Amino acid sequence: MEEVRFSIESIMEKEDYRRFLYTATFFRNKIVIPLIGLIALVGAIIISWNSEGIHWGTTLIAWIFLFILAIATVCFKVERKNKRRITTDKTGTFGSVSLLKFYDEKVEMRKWR
């Protein structure tokens, strides 16, 4: 039988899952936030375009508004996903203690309490 190198007891709370969703959404890939900003800028240029050209004051205001709107929309979706996960959790994931055992060649996870 293999020897356990070390073990960790871990508890997943509802707030931890919420933080994980935000981290996974915005910071998993470093291009997400700049891409949202770029798309908002393109939309702002389209909005402010008229027959005389681009009005940069309107573009700036529209870009800020569209960027905030896009971030708020993503946050709303994350909150909905978090709420749905919490209300449909039948496995007792939140608040239960998991035991992680690390061996040389594998990791074992069990519900502890």
Protein backbone atom coordinates (compact mmCIF):
# COMPACT_ATOMS: atom_id res chain seq x y z
CA MET A 1 0.00 0.00 0.00
CA GLU A 2 1.26 3.45 -0.90
CA GLU A 3 2.23 5.94 1.77
CA VAL A 4 0.23 9.17 2.02
CA ARG A 5 2.59 12.12 1.48
CA PHE A 6 0.18 14.63 3.01
CA SER A 7 -3.54 15.19 3.39
CA ILE A 8 -5.75 18.27 3.43
CA GLU A 9 -9.22 18.81 4.84
CA SER A 10 -11.16 21.29 2.71
CA ILE A 11 -14.58 22.91 3.08
CA MET A 12 -16.44 24.42 0.13
CA GLU A 13 -18.76 27.19 1.25
CA LYS A 14 -21.32 28.96 -0.94
CA GLU A 15 -19.24 32.16 -1.01
CA ASP A 16 -16.16 30.16 -2.13
CA TYR A 17 -18.09 28.81 -5.11
CA ARG A 18 -19.27 32.31 -5.99
CA ARG A 19 -15.69 33.63 -5.93
CA PHE A 20 -14.59 30.68 -8.06
CA LEU A 21 -17.22 31.51 -10.71
CA TYR A 22 -16.09 35.14 -10.93
CA THR A 23 -12.42 34.12 -11.08
CA ALA A 24 -13.10 31.50 -13.75
CA THR A 25 -15.19 33.94 -15.78
CA PHE A 26 -12.97 37.03 -15.75
CA PHE A 27 -9.44 35.88 -14.95
CA ARG A 28 -9.04 32.38 -16.41
CA ASN A 29 -7.98 33.94 -19.68
CA LYS A 30 -6.19 37.31 -19.62
CA ILE A 31 -7.79 38.42 -22.89
CA VAL A 32 -11.43 38.40 -21.63
CA ILE A 33 -11.59 41.93 -20.13
CA PRO A 34 -9.61 43.62 -22.95
CA LEU A 35 -11.81 41.81 -25.49
CA ILE A 36 -14.96 43.10 -23.77
CA GLY A 37 -13.43 46.59 -23.87
CA LEU A 38 -12.60 46.26 -27.56
CA ILE A 39 -16.07 45.05 -28.48
CA ALA A 40 -17.59 47.91 -26.46
CA LEU A 41 -15.30 50.37 -28.28
CA VAL A 42 -16.36 49.07 -31.69
CA GLY A 43 -20.01 49.39 -30.63
CA ALA A 44 -19.38 52.92 -29.35
CA ILE A 45 -17.76 53.95 -32.66
CA ILE A 46 -20.73 52.54 -34.57
CA ILE A 47 -23.15 54.43 -32.30
CA SER A 48 -21.30 57.76 -32.64
CA TRP A 49 -20.70 57.51 -36.40
CA ASN A 50 -22.66 60.02 -38.45
CA SER A 51 -22.36 61.70 -41.86
CA GLU A 52 -19.77 64.17 -40.54
CA GLY A 53 -17.50 61.49 -39.06
CA ILE A 54 -16.93 60.24 -35.54
CA HIS A 55 -17.77 62.44 -32.57
CA TRP A 56 -15.14 61.41 -30.00
CA GLY A 57 -16.99 62.79 -26.96
CA THR A 58 -20.02 60.66 -27.76
CA THR A 59 -17.73 57.71 -28.49
CA LEU A 60 -16.08 57.95 -25.08
CA ILE A 61 -19.39 58.15 -23.22
CA ALA A 62 -20.90 55.31 -25.27
CA TRP A 63 -17.78 53.17 -24.76
CA ILE A 64 -17.91 53.59 -20.97
CA PHE A 65 -21.63 52.83 -20.94
CA LEU A 66 -21.29 49.73 -23.16
CA PHE A 67 -18.30 48.43 -21.18
CA ILE A 68 -20.18 48.76 -17.88
CA LEU A 69 -23.28 47.19 -19.46
CA ALA A 70 -21.27 44.22 -20.74
CA ILE A 71 -19.56 43.63 -17.37
CA ALA A 72 -22.92 43.95 -15.56
CA THR A 73 -24.48 41.43 -17.94
CA VAL A 74 -21.71 38.91 -17.32
CA CYS A 75 -22.00 39.46 -13.54
CA PHE A 76 -25.76 38.93 -13.74
CA LYS A 77 -25.21 35.65 -15.56
CA VAL A 78 -22.62 34.52 -12.97
CA GLU A 79 -25.02 35.34 -10.13
CA ARG A 80 -27.82 33.37 -11.83
CA LYS A 81 -25.53 30.39 -12.31
CA ASN A 82 -24.41 30.60 -8.67
CA LYS A 83 -27.99 30.77 -7.39
CA ARG A 84 -29.07 27.86 -9.57
CA ARG A 85 -26.17 25.73 -8.34
CA ILE A 86 -26.90 26.50 -4.69
CA THR A 87 -30.64 25.77 -4.98
CA THR A 88 -30.16 22.51 -6.91
CA ASP A 89 -27.33 21.15 -4.73
CA LYS A 90 -28.55 17.75 -3.58
CA THR A 91 -25.12 16.25 -2.98
CA GLY A 92 -24.34 18.35 0.09
CA THR A 93 -21.28 19.90 -1.50
CA PHE A 94 -21.48 23.16 0.42
CA GLY A 95 -20.45 23.00 4.06
CA SER A 96 -19.23 19.41 3.95
CA VAL A 97 -15.60 18.58 4.63
CA SER A 98 -13.63 16.83 1.89
CA LEU A 99 -10.40 14.99 2.58
CA LEU A 100 -7.70 15.13 -0.09
CA LYS A 101 -4.91 12.56 0.21
CA PHE A 102 -1.80 13.06 -1.91
CA TYR A 103 0.30 10.05 -2.86
CA ASP A 104 3.35 9.85 -5.12
CA GLU A 105 1.32 8.82 -8.16
CA LYS A 106 -2.29 9.83 -7.41
CA VAL A 107 -4.65 12.12 -5.50
CA GLU A 108 -7.62 10.68 -3.62
CA MET A 109 -10.67 12.73 -2.60
CA ARG A 110 -13.34 11.63 -0.14
CA LYS A 111 -16.22 13.23 1.68
CA TRP A 112 -15.09 13.34 5.26
CA ARG A 113 -17.99 14.75 7.27
